[in-house]
Amino acid sequence: MIFLFSNHALEEMKRRAIPERILELVLNDPQQIVPERGSLKVYQSVVDFGDGKQFLLRAIVDDTLEPAIVVTVYRTSKIGKYWRQS
């Protein structure tokens, strides 16, 4: 799938020090895709950003569009709060 990044998503990637290559890995092979409001979905994976600490990287995506739009992105240490059990 092809993804475009909104200006907001690009700003948040920079502000939150989220490398594009890591985000692309999550978008192309997420550990989970969770429904969000409306047509939005959360593509998320547990990621080590290189310091040994695990974070949940969450990308809010509208994948009903072609190409899909990444609305925003963030990482959180509160993995249990957002992780969905099957």
N, C-alpha and C. Protein backbone atom coordinates (compact mmCIF):
# COMPACT_ATOMS: atom_id res chain seq x y z
N MET A 1 0.86 -1.17 0.00
CA MET A 1 0.00 0.00 0.00
C MET A 1 0.90 1.23 0.00
N ILE A 2 0.45 2.26 -0.66
CA ILE A 2 1.19 3.53 -0.71
C ILE A 2 0.61 4.47 0.34
N PHE A 3 1.50 5.13 1.09
CA PHE A 3 1.09 6.06 2.14
C PHE A 3 1.63 7.45 1.85
N LEU A 4 0.80 8.45 2.05
CA LEU A 4 1.23 9.85 2.04
C LEU A 4 1.14 10.36 3.46
N PHE A 5 2.02 11.30 3.81
CA PHE A 5 2.04 11.86 5.15
C PHE A 5 1.44 13.26 5.13
N SER A 6 0.50 13.51 6.03
CA SER A 6 -0.04 14.86 6.17
C SER A 6 1.06 15.76 6.72
N ASN A 7 0.90 17.07 6.56
CA ASN A 7 1.86 18.00 7.13
C ASN A 7 1.96 17.81 8.64
N HIS A 8 0.81 17.58 9.26
CA HIS A 8 0.79 17.37 10.71
C HIS A 8 1.63 16.13 11.08
N ALA A 9 1.46 15.05 10.34
CA ALA A 9 2.23 13.83 10.62
C ALA A 9 3.72 14.08 10.47
N LEU A 10 4.12 14.82 9.44
CA LEU A 10 5.54 15.13 9.23
C LEU A 10 6.09 15.97 10.38
N GLU A 11 5.30 16.94 10.84
CA GLU A 11 5.72 17.78 11.96
C GLU A 11 5.87 16.95 13.24
N GLU A 12 4.92 16.03 13.47
CA GLU A 12 4.97 15.20 14.67
C GLU A 12 6.13 14.22 14.62
N MET A 13 6.45 13.68 13.45
CA MET A 13 7.60 12.80 13.31
C MET A 13 8.87 13.53 13.73
N LYS A 14 9.00 14.75 13.26
CA LYS A 14 10.19 15.55 13.58
C LYS A 14 10.21 15.90 15.07
N ARG A 15 9.10 16.40 15.58
CA ARG A 15 9.02 16.84 16.97
C ARG A 15 9.25 15.68 17.95
N ARG A 16 8.75 14.50 17.59
CA ARG A 16 8.83 13.34 18.48
C ARG A 16 10.00 12.41 18.16
N ALA A 17 10.86 12.84 17.24
CA ALA A 17 12.06 12.08 16.86
C ALA A 17 11.72 10.65 16.43
N ILE A 18 10.75 10.54 15.52
CA ILE A 18 10.36 9.23 14.98
C ILE A 18 10.95 9.12 13.58
N PRO A 19 11.93 8.24 13.39
CA PRO A 19 12.55 8.09 12.06
C PRO A 19 11.56 7.57 11.02
N GLU A 20 11.62 8.12 9.84
CA GLU A 20 10.71 7.71 8.76
C GLU A 20 10.86 6.23 8.44
N ARG A 21 12.08 5.71 8.48
CA ARG A 21 12.30 4.29 8.15
C ARG A 21 11.59 3.37 9.13
N ILE A 22 11.55 3.73 10.42
CA ILE A 22 10.85 2.91 11.41
C ILE A 22 9.35 3.00 11.19
N LEU A 23 8.85 4.20 10.92
CA LEU A 23 7.43 4.36 10.64
C LEU A 23 7.01 3.57 9.41
N GLU A 24 7.83 3.58 8.38
CA GLU A 24 7.50 2.84 7.16
C GLU A 24 7.43 1.34 7.44
N LEU A 25 8.30 0.83 8.31
CA LEU A 25 8.24 -0.59 8.68
C LEU A 25 6.91 -0.92 9.35
N VAL A 26 6.48 -0.04 10.25
CA VAL A 26 5.20 -0.26 10.95
C VAL A 26 4.03 -0.17 9.97
N LEU A 27 4.06 0.80 9.08
CA LEU A 27 2.97 0.96 8.12
C LEU A 27 2.86 -0.23 7.18
N ASN A 28 3.99 -0.76 6.75
CA ASN A 28 3.99 -1.86 5.78
C ASN A 28 3.79 -3.23 6.41
N ASP A 29 4.06 -3.36 7.71
CA ASP A 29 3.89 -4.64 8.38
C ASP A 29 3.53 -4.43 9.85
N PRO A 30 2.35 -3.84 10.12
CA PRO A 30 1.98 -3.56 11.52
C PRO A 30 1.68 -4.84 12.28
N GLN A 31 2.00 -4.81 13.58
CA GLN A 31 1.64 -5.95 14.42
C GLN A 31 0.14 -5.98 14.67
N GLN A 32 -0.48 -4.79 14.65
CA GLN A 32 -1.94 -4.69 14.81
C GLN A 32 -2.47 -3.53 13.97
N ILE A 33 -3.70 -3.70 13.51
CA ILE A 33 -4.47 -2.60 12.93
C ILE A 33 -5.76 -2.53 13.73
N VAL A 34 -5.97 -1.38 14.39
CA VAL A 34 -7.07 -1.20 15.32
C VAL A 34 -8.02 -0.14 14.78
N PRO A 35 -9.34 -0.42 14.74
CA PRO A 35 -10.29 0.60 14.29
C PRO A 35 -10.26 1.83 15.20
N GLU A 36 -10.38 2.98 14.60
CA GLU A 36 -10.43 4.25 15.32
C GLU A 36 -11.75 4.91 14.92
N ARG A 37 -11.90 6.18 15.17
CA ARG A 37 -13.14 6.88 14.81
C ARG A 37 -13.32 6.99 13.30
N GLY A 38 -14.56 6.85 12.87
CA GLY A 38 -14.89 7.02 11.45
C GLY A 38 -14.12 6.04 10.59
N SER A 39 -13.49 6.58 9.55
CA SER A 39 -12.74 5.74 8.61
C SER A 39 -11.29 5.56 9.01
N LEU A 40 -10.90 6.09 10.17
CA LEU A 40 -9.50 6.01 10.59
C LEU A 40 -9.19 4.67 11.25
N LYS A 41 -7.93 4.25 11.07
CA LYS A 41 -7.42 3.05 11.72
C LYS A 41 -6.07 3.39 12.33
N VAL A 42 -5.70 2.63 13.36
CA VAL A 42 -4.39 2.78 13.97
C VAL A 42 -3.53 1.60 13.55
N TYR A 43 -2.44 1.90 12.87
CA TYR A 43 -1.43 0.90 12.54
C TYR A 43 -0.41 1.00 13.66
N GLN A 44 -0.17 -0.11 14.39
CA GLN A 44 0.71 -0.02 15.54
C GLN A 44 1.59 -1.26 15.69
N SER A 45 2.78 -1.01 16.26
CA SER A 45 3.74 -2.07 16.54
C SER A 45 4.59 -1.65 17.73
N VAL A 46 5.07 -2.65 18.47
CA VAL A 46 6.02 -2.40 19.55
C VAL A 46 7.40 -2.29 18.91
N VAL A 47 8.10 -1.19 19.24
CA VAL A 47 9.36 -0.86 18.57
C VAL A 47 10.41 -0.48 19.61
N ASP A 48 11.64 -0.89 19.36
CA ASP A 48 12.80 -0.43 20.14
C ASP A 48 13.47 0.66 19.29
N PHE A 49 13.54 1.87 19.82
CA PHE A 49 14.11 2.98 19.08
C PHE A 49 15.63 3.05 19.22
N GLY A 50 16.25 1.97 19.70
CA GLY A 50 17.69 1.90 19.74
C GLY A 50 18.29 2.09 21.11
N ASP A 51 17.49 2.41 22.11
CA ASP A 51 18.02 2.60 23.46
C ASP A 51 17.64 1.46 24.39
N GLY A 52 17.09 0.38 23.83
CA GLY A 52 16.70 -0.77 24.62
C GLY A 52 15.32 -0.66 25.25
N LYS A 53 14.70 0.50 25.16
CA LYS A 53 13.37 0.70 25.75
C LYS A 53 12.31 0.50 24.66
N GLN A 54 11.26 -0.22 25.01
CA GLN A 54 10.20 -0.52 24.05
C GLN A 54 9.08 0.53 24.13
N PHE A 55 8.64 0.94 22.96
CA PHE A 55 7.52 1.88 22.82
C PHE A 55 6.52 1.29 21.84
N LEU A 56 5.28 1.73 21.97
CA LEU A 56 4.27 1.41 20.97
C LEU A 56 4.23 2.58 20.00
N LEU A 57 4.55 2.30 18.75
CA LEU A 57 4.49 3.32 17.70
C LEU A 57 3.12 3.22 17.06
N ARG A 58 2.37 4.32 17.10
CA ARG A 58 0.99 4.33 16.60
C ARG A 58 0.87 5.36 15.47
N ALA A 59 0.37 4.92 14.33
CA ALA A 59 0.12 5.81 13.19
C ALA A 59 -1.38 5.81 12.93
N ILE A 60 -1.98 6.98 12.96
CA ILE A 60 -3.40 7.11 12.67
C ILE A 60 -3.51 7.32 11.15
N VAL A 61 -4.24 6.41 10.50
CA VAL A 61 -4.25 6.34 9.04
C VAL A 61 -5.68 6.31 8.51
N ASP A 62 -5.91 7.05 7.42
CA ASP A 62 -7.16 6.90 6.66
C ASP A 62 -6.80 6.07 5.44
N ASP A 63 -7.06 4.76 5.52
CA ASP A 63 -6.70 3.87 4.41
C ASP A 63 -7.86 3.60 3.47
N THR A 64 -8.93 4.40 3.62
CA THR A 64 -10.02 4.31 2.64
C THR A 64 -9.70 5.16 1.42
N LEU A 65 -8.69 6.01 1.53
CA LEU A 65 -8.25 6.87 0.42
C LEU A 65 -7.16 6.17 -0.36
N GLU A 66 -6.97 6.59 -1.59
CA GLU A 66 -5.90 6.04 -2.42
C GLU A 66 -5.07 7.19 -2.96
N PRO A 67 -3.85 7.38 -2.51
CA PRO A 67 -3.13 6.60 -1.52
C PRO A 67 -3.63 6.90 -0.10
N ALA A 68 -3.31 6.01 0.82
CA ALA A 68 -3.69 6.17 2.22
C ALA A 68 -2.96 7.37 2.82
N ILE A 69 -3.62 8.07 3.75
CA ILE A 69 -3.04 9.26 4.38
C ILE A 69 -2.72 8.96 5.84
N VAL A 70 -1.47 9.21 6.22
CA VAL A 70 -1.07 9.14 7.63
C VAL A 70 -1.41 10.49 8.23
N VAL A 71 -2.38 10.51 9.15
CA VAL A 71 -2.88 11.75 9.74
C VAL A 71 -1.95 12.25 10.82
N THR A 72 -1.53 11.34 11.70
CA THR A 72 -0.59 11.69 12.76
C THR A 72 0.13 10.44 13.22
N VAL A 73 1.17 10.63 14.00
CA VAL A 73 1.97 9.51 14.50
C VAL A 73 2.55 9.90 15.85
N TYR A 74 2.62 8.90 16.74
CA TYR A 74 3.25 9.13 18.03
C TYR A 74 3.70 7.81 18.62
N ARG A 75 4.58 7.92 19.63
CA ARG A 75 5.01 6.73 20.36
C ARG A 75 4.63 6.92 21.82
N THR A 76 4.35 5.79 22.46
CA THR A 76 3.95 5.82 23.86
C THR A 76 4.56 4.63 24.59
N SER A 77 4.86 4.85 25.86
CA SER A 77 5.35 3.74 26.69
C SER A 77 4.19 2.97 27.30
N LYS A 78 2.97 3.47 27.14
CA LYS A 78 1.77 2.83 27.70
C LYS A 78 1.22 1.77 26.75
N ILE A 79 2.03 0.74 26.53
CA ILE A 79 1.68 -0.30 25.57
C ILE A 79 0.38 -0.99 25.96
N GLY A 80 0.23 -1.35 27.22
CA GLY A 80 -0.95 -2.06 27.69
C GLY A 80 -2.25 -1.29 27.51
N LYS A 81 -2.17 0.02 27.52
CA LYS A 81 -3.36 0.85 27.35
C LYS A 81 -3.96 0.73 25.96
N TYR A 82 -3.12 0.57 24.95
CA TYR A 82 -3.56 0.61 23.56
C TYR A 82 -3.54 -0.75 22.87
N TRP A 83 -2.80 -1.71 23.42
CA TRP A 83 -2.67 -3.01 22.76
C TRP A 83 -3.97 -3.79 22.88
N ARG A 84 -4.43 -4.34 21.79
CA ARG A 84 -5.68 -5.11 21.77
C ARG A 84 -5.36 -6.59 21.81
N GLN A 85 -5.98 -7.27 22.76
CA GLN A 85 -5.81 -8.72 22.86
C GLN A 85 -6.82 -9.39 21.92
N SER A 86 -6.42 -10.46 21.29
CA SER A 86 -7.30 -11.16 20.34
C SER A 86 -8.42 -11.88 21.04
